[in-house]
PDB file of N, CA and C in Angstrom:
ATOM      1  N   MET A   1       0.847  -1.124  -0.054  1.00  0.00           N
ATOM      2  CA  MET A   1       0.088   0.006   0.006  1.00  0.00           C
ATOM      3  C   MET A   1       0.813   1.207  -0.067  1.00  0.00           C
ATOM      4  N   PRO A   2       1.999   1.329   0.721  1.00  0.00           N
ATOM      5  CA  PRO A   2       2.836   2.591   0.751  1.00  0.00           C
ATOM      6  C   PRO A   2       3.253   2.861  -0.704  1.00  0.00           C
ATOM      7  N   GLY A   3       3.629   1.860  -1.480  1.00  0.00           N
ATOM      8  CA  GLY A   3       4.183   2.004  -2.865  1.00  0.00           C
ATOM      9  C   GLY A   3       2.946   2.618  -3.625  1.00  0.00           C
ATOM     10  N   ARG A   4       1.865   2.267  -3.348  1.00  0.00           N
ATOM     11  CA  ARG A   4       0.673   3.039  -4.215  1.00  0.00           C
ATOM     12  C   ARG A   4       0.511   4.569  -4.059  1.00  0.00           C
ATOM     13  N   ILE A   5       0.817   4.836  -2.711  1.00  0.00           N
ATOM     14  CA  ILE A   5       0.781   6.149  -2.436  1.00  0.00           C
ATOM     15  C   ILE A   5       1.949   6.805  -3.200  1.00  0.00           C
ATOM     16  N   LEU A   6       3.047   6.343  -3.164  1.00  0.00           N
ATOM     17  CA  LEU A   6       4.217   6.825  -3.785  1.00  0.00           C
ATOM     18  C   LEU A   6       4.040   7.181  -5.477  1.00  0.00           C
ATOM     19  N   CYS A   7       3.447   6.107  -5.973  1.00  0.00           N
ATOM     20  CA  CYS A   7       2.872   6.050  -7.531  1.00  0.00           C
ATOM     21  C   CYS A   7       1.684   7.076  -7.635  1.00  0.00           C
ATOM     22  N   SER A   8       0.922   7.393  -6.843  1.00  0.00           N
ATOM     23  CA  SER A   8      -0.033   8.374  -7.009  1.00  0.00           C
ATOM     24  C   SER A   8       0.544   9.648  -6.923  1.00  0.00           C
ATOM     25  N   LEU A   9       1.542   9.937  -6.267  1.00  0.00           N
ATOM     26  CA  LEU A   9       2.468  11.153  -6.330  1.00  0.00           C
ATOM     27  C   LEU A   9       3.414  11.443  -7.340  1.00  0.00           C
ATOM     28  N   GLY A  10       3.350  10.328  -8.355  1.00  0.00           N
ATOM     29  CA  GLY A  10       4.208  10.276  -9.421  1.00  0.00           C
ATOM     30  C   GLY A  10       5.671   9.773  -9.341  1.00  0.00           C
ATOM     31  N   LEU A  11       5.964   9.126  -8.189  1.00  0.00           N
ATOM     32  CA  LEU A  11       7.152   8.607  -8.009  1.00  0.00           C
ATOM     33  C   LEU A  11       7.106   6.987  -8.219  1.00  0.00           C
ATOM     34  N   HIS A  12       7.182   6.684  -9.419  1.00  0.00           N
ATOM     35  CA  HIS A  12       7.201   5.293  -9.913  1.00  0.00           C
ATOM     36  C   HIS A  12       8.309   4.755  -9.742  1.00  0.00           C
ATOM     37  N   ALA A  13       8.443   3.613  -9.522  1.00  0.00           N
ATOM     38  CA  ALA A  13       9.785   2.577  -9.539  1.00  0.00           C
ATOM     39  C   ALA A  13       9.911   1.979 -10.954  1.00  0.00           C
ATOM     40  N   TRP A  14      10.425   2.514 -11.846  1.00  0.00           N
ATOM     41  CA  TRP A  14      10.443   2.031 -13.162  1.00  0.00           C
ATOM     42  C   TRP A  14      11.568   0.909 -13.406  1.00  0.00           C
ATOM     43  N   GLY A  15      10.901  -0.202 -14.071  1.00  0.00           N
ATOM     44  CA  GLY A  15      11.900  -1.363 -14.126  1.00  0.00           C
ATOM     45  C   GLY A  15      13.037  -1.184 -15.023  1.00  0.00           C
ATOM     46  N   LYS A  16      13.467  -2.416 -15.842  1.00  0.00           N
ATOM     47  CA  LYS A  16      14.409  -2.225 -16.732  1.00  0.00           C
ATOM     48  C   LYS A  16      13.934  -1.701 -18.125  1.00  0.00           C
ATOM     49  N   LYS A  17      14.622  -0.940 -18.726  1.00  0.00           N
ATOM     50  CA  LYS A  17      14.339  -0.470 -20.038  1.00  0.00           C
ATOM     51  C   LYS A  17      14.222  -1.374 -21.107  1.00  0.00           C
ATOM     52  N   ARG A  18      13.391  -1.836 -21.896  1.00  0.00           N
ATOM     53  CA  ARG A  18      13.107  -2.746 -22.963  1.00  0.00           C
ATOM     54  C   ARG A  18      12.911  -1.988 -24.346  1.00  0.00           C
ATOM     55  N   GLY A  19      13.766  -2.335 -25.373  1.00  0.00           N
ATOM     56  CA  GLY A  19      13.482  -1.877 -26.632  1.00  0.00           C
ATOM     57  C   GLY A  19      13.158  -2.661 -27.765  1.00  0.00           C
ATOM     58  N   TYR A  20      12.336  -2.434 -28.724  1.00  0.00           N
ATOM     59  CA  TYR A  20      12.023  -3.396 -29.690  1.00  0.00           C
ATOM     60  C   TYR A  20      11.787  -2.489 -31.161  1.00  0.00           C
ATOM     61  N   ASN A  21      12.144  -3.185 -32.052  1.00  0.00           N
ATOM     62  CA  ASN A  21      12.033  -2.465 -33.341  1.00  0.00           C
ATOM     63  C   ASN A  21      10.925  -2.982 -34.303  1.00  0.00           C
ATOM     64  N   GLU A  22       9.756  -2.485 -34.336  1.00  0.00           N
ATOM     65  CA  GLU A  22       8.588  -3.163 -34.816  1.00  0.00           C
ATOM     66  C   GLU A  22       8.202  -2.123 -36.149  1.00  0.00           C
ATOM     67  N   TYR A  23       8.497  -1.001 -36.108  1.00  0.00           N
ATOM     68  CA  TYR A  23       8.103   0.052 -37.180  1.00  0.00           C
ATOM     69  C   TYR A  23       8.969  -0.025 -38.320  1.00  0.00           C
ATOM     70  N   SER A  24      10.306   0.450 -38.134  1.00  0.00           N
ATOM     71  CA  SER A  24      11.094   0.491 -39.327  1.00  0.00           C
ATOM     72  C   SER A  24      12.571   0.377 -38.919  1.00  0.00           C
ATOM     73  N   SER A  25      13.463   0.223 -39.677  1.00  0.00           N
ATOM     74  CA  SER A  25      14.788  -0.006 -39.145  1.00  0.00           C
ATOM     75  C   SER A  25      15.535   0.991 -38.546  1.00  0.00           C
ATOM     76  N   ASN A  26      15.095   2.200 -38.626  1.00  0.00           N
ATOM     77  CA  ASN A  26      15.728   3.575 -38.113  1.00  0.00           C
ATOM     78  C   ASN A  26      15.122   4.028 -36.628  1.00  0.00           C
ATOM     79  N   VAL A  27      14.221   3.378 -36.138  1.00  0.00           N
ATOM     80  CA  VAL A  27      13.542   3.816 -35.000  1.00  0.00           C
ATOM     81  C   VAL A  27      13.536   2.598 -33.880  1.00  0.00           C
ATOM     82  N   ILE A  28      13.571   3.015 -32.629  1.00  0.00           N
ATOM     83  CA  ILE A  28      13.456   1.776 -31.573  1.00  0.00           C
ATOM     84  C   ILE A  28      12.044   2.376 -30.548  1.00  0.00           C
ATOM     85  N   GLU A  29      11.319   1.532 -30.363  1.00  0.00           N
ATOM     86  CA  GLU A  29      10.216   1.926 -29.483  1.00  0.00           C
ATOM     87  C   GLU A  29      10.571   1.149 -27.907  1.00  0.00           C
ATOM     88  N   TRP A  30      10.787   2.096 -26.944  1.00  0.00           N
ATOM     89  CA  TRP A  30      11.242   1.657 -25.832  1.00  0.00           C
ATOM     90  C   TRP A  30       9.953   1.640 -24.698  1.00  0.00           C
ATOM     91  N   LYS A  31      10.099   0.712 -23.868  1.00  0.00           N
ATOM     92  CA  LYS A  31       8.916   0.393 -22.900  1.00  0.00           C
ATOM     93  C   LYS A  31       9.464   0.184 -21.533  1.00  0.00           C
ATOM     94  N   GLN A  32       9.000   0.848 -20.500  1.00  0.00           N
ATOM     95  CA  GLN A  32       9.180   0.489 -18.941  1.00  0.00           C
ATOM     96  C   GLN A  32       8.082   0.441 -18.164  1.00  0.00           C
ATOM     97  N   THR A  33       8.154  -0.586 -17.319  1.00  0.00           N
ATOM     98  CA  THR A  33       6.816  -0.733 -16.471  1.00  0.00           C
ATOM     99  C   THR A  33       7.227  -0.453 -14.814  1.00  0.00           C
ATOM    100  N   CYS A  34       6.297   0.146 -14.290  1.00  0.00           N
ATOM    101  CA  CYS A  34       6.410   0.318 -12.735  1.00  0.00           C
ATOM    102  C   CYS A  34       6.393  -0.788 -12.118  1.00  0.00           C
ATOM    103  N   THR A  35       7.284  -1.139 -11.386  1.00  0.00           N
ATOM    104  CA  THR A  35       7.256  -2.517 -10.493  1.00  0.00           C
ATOM    105  C   THR A  35       6.189  -2.389  -9.431  1.00  0.00           C
ATOM    106  N   ARG A  36       5.897  -1.334  -9.103  1.00  0.00           N
ATOM    107  CA  ARG A  36       4.646  -1.202  -8.000  1.00  0.00           C
ATOM    108  C   ARG A  36       3.154  -1.186  -8.523  1.00  0.00           C
ATOM    109  N   CYS A  37       2.778  -0.452  -9.435  1.00  0.00           N
ATOM    110  CA  CYS A  37       1.553  -0.156  -9.901  1.00  0.00           C
ATOM    111  C   CYS A  37       1.192  -0.789 -11.406  1.00  0.00           C
ATOM    112  N   GLY A  38       2.283  -1.126 -11.998  1.00  0.00           N
ATOM    113  CA  GLY A  38       2.202  -1.770 -13.135  1.00  0.00           C
ATOM    114  C   GLY A  38       1.733  -0.768 -14.476  1.00  0.00           C
ATOM    115  N   LYS A  39       2.010   0.648 -14.223  1.00  0.00           N
ATOM    116  CA  LYS A  39       2.006   1.559 -15.217  1.00  0.00           C
ATOM    117  C   LYS A  39       2.967   1.397 -16.470  1.00  0.00           C
ATOM    118  N   VAL A  40       2.787   1.531 -17.563  1.00  0.00           N
ATOM    119  CA  VAL A  40       3.511   1.303 -18.590  1.00  0.00           C
ATOM    120  C   VAL A  40       3.801   2.655 -19.279  1.00  0.00           C
ATOM    121  N   LYS A  41       5.122   2.877 -19.556  1.00  0.00           N
ATOM    122  CA  LYS A  41       5.714   4.218 -20.018  1.00  0.00           C
ATOM    123  C   LYS A  41       6.453   3.861 -21.373  1.00  0.00           C
ATOM    124  N   ARG A  42       6.011   4.411 -22.334  1.00  0.00           N
ATOM    125  CA  ARG A  42       6.662   4.248 -23.898  1.00  0.00           C
ATOM    126  C   ARG A  42       7.009   5.380 -24.515  1.00  0.00           C
ATOM    127  N   TRP A  43       7.927   5.229 -25.287  1.00  0.00           N
ATOM    128  CA  TRP A  43       8.417   6.354 -26.039  1.00  0.00           C
ATOM    129  C   TRP A  43       9.238   5.837 -27.319  1.00  0.00           C
ATOM    130  N   ILE A  44       9.466   6.781 -28.343  1.00  0.00           N
ATOM    131  CA  ILE A  44      10.131   6.096 -29.734  1.00  0.00           C
ATOM    132  C   ILE A  44      11.344   7.181 -29.613  1.00  0.00           C
ATOM    133  N   GLU A  45      12.399   6.325 -30.113  1.00  0.00           N
ATOM    134  CA  GLU A  45      13.667   7.234 -30.332  1.00  0.00           C
ATOM    135  C   GLU A  45      14.124   6.747 -31.703  1.00  0.00           C
ATOM    136  N   ALA A  46      14.995   7.625 -32.243  1.00  0.00           N
ATOM    137  CA  ALA A  46      15.801   7.204 -33.483  1.00  0.00           C
ATOM    138  C   ALA A  46      16.979   6.555 -33.170  1.00  0.00           C
ATOM    139  N   LYS A  47      17.268   5.420 -33.873  1.00  0.00           N
ATOM    140  CA  LYS A  47      18.580   4.866 -33.754  1.00  0.00           C
ATOM    141  C   LYS A  47      19.785   5.711 -33.885  1.00  0.00           C
ATOM    142  N   ARG A  48      20.819   5.523 -33.039  1.00  0.00           N
ATOM    143  CA  ARG A  48      21.930   6.208 -33.436  1.00  0.00           C
ATOM    144  C   ARG A  48      22.702   5.706 -34.510  1.00  0.00           C
ATOM    145  N   ALA A  49      23.611   6.559 -35.103  1.00  0.00           N
ATOM    146  CA  ALA A  49      24.276   6.288 -36.306  1.00  0.00           C
ATOM    147  C   ALA A  49      25.394   5.312 -35.741  1.00  0.00           C
ATOM    148  N   ARG A  50      25.835   4.479 -36.607  1.00  0.00           N
ATOM    149  CA  ARG A  50      26.987   3.688 -36.343  1.00  0.00           C
ATOM    150  C   ARG A  50      28.381   4.176 -36.496  1.00  0.00           C
TER     151      ARG A  50
END
């Protein structure tokens, strides 16, 4: 229960960052999940040049 209070205040405990390439070869969609409440955060980044 104390963890839920922290999450309601916006202090999530984000887990490991996971990325996958579904759309095209030059972007990665990243995903993180809060270990306390299960909220999912997603964002898309361009791949770095090699």
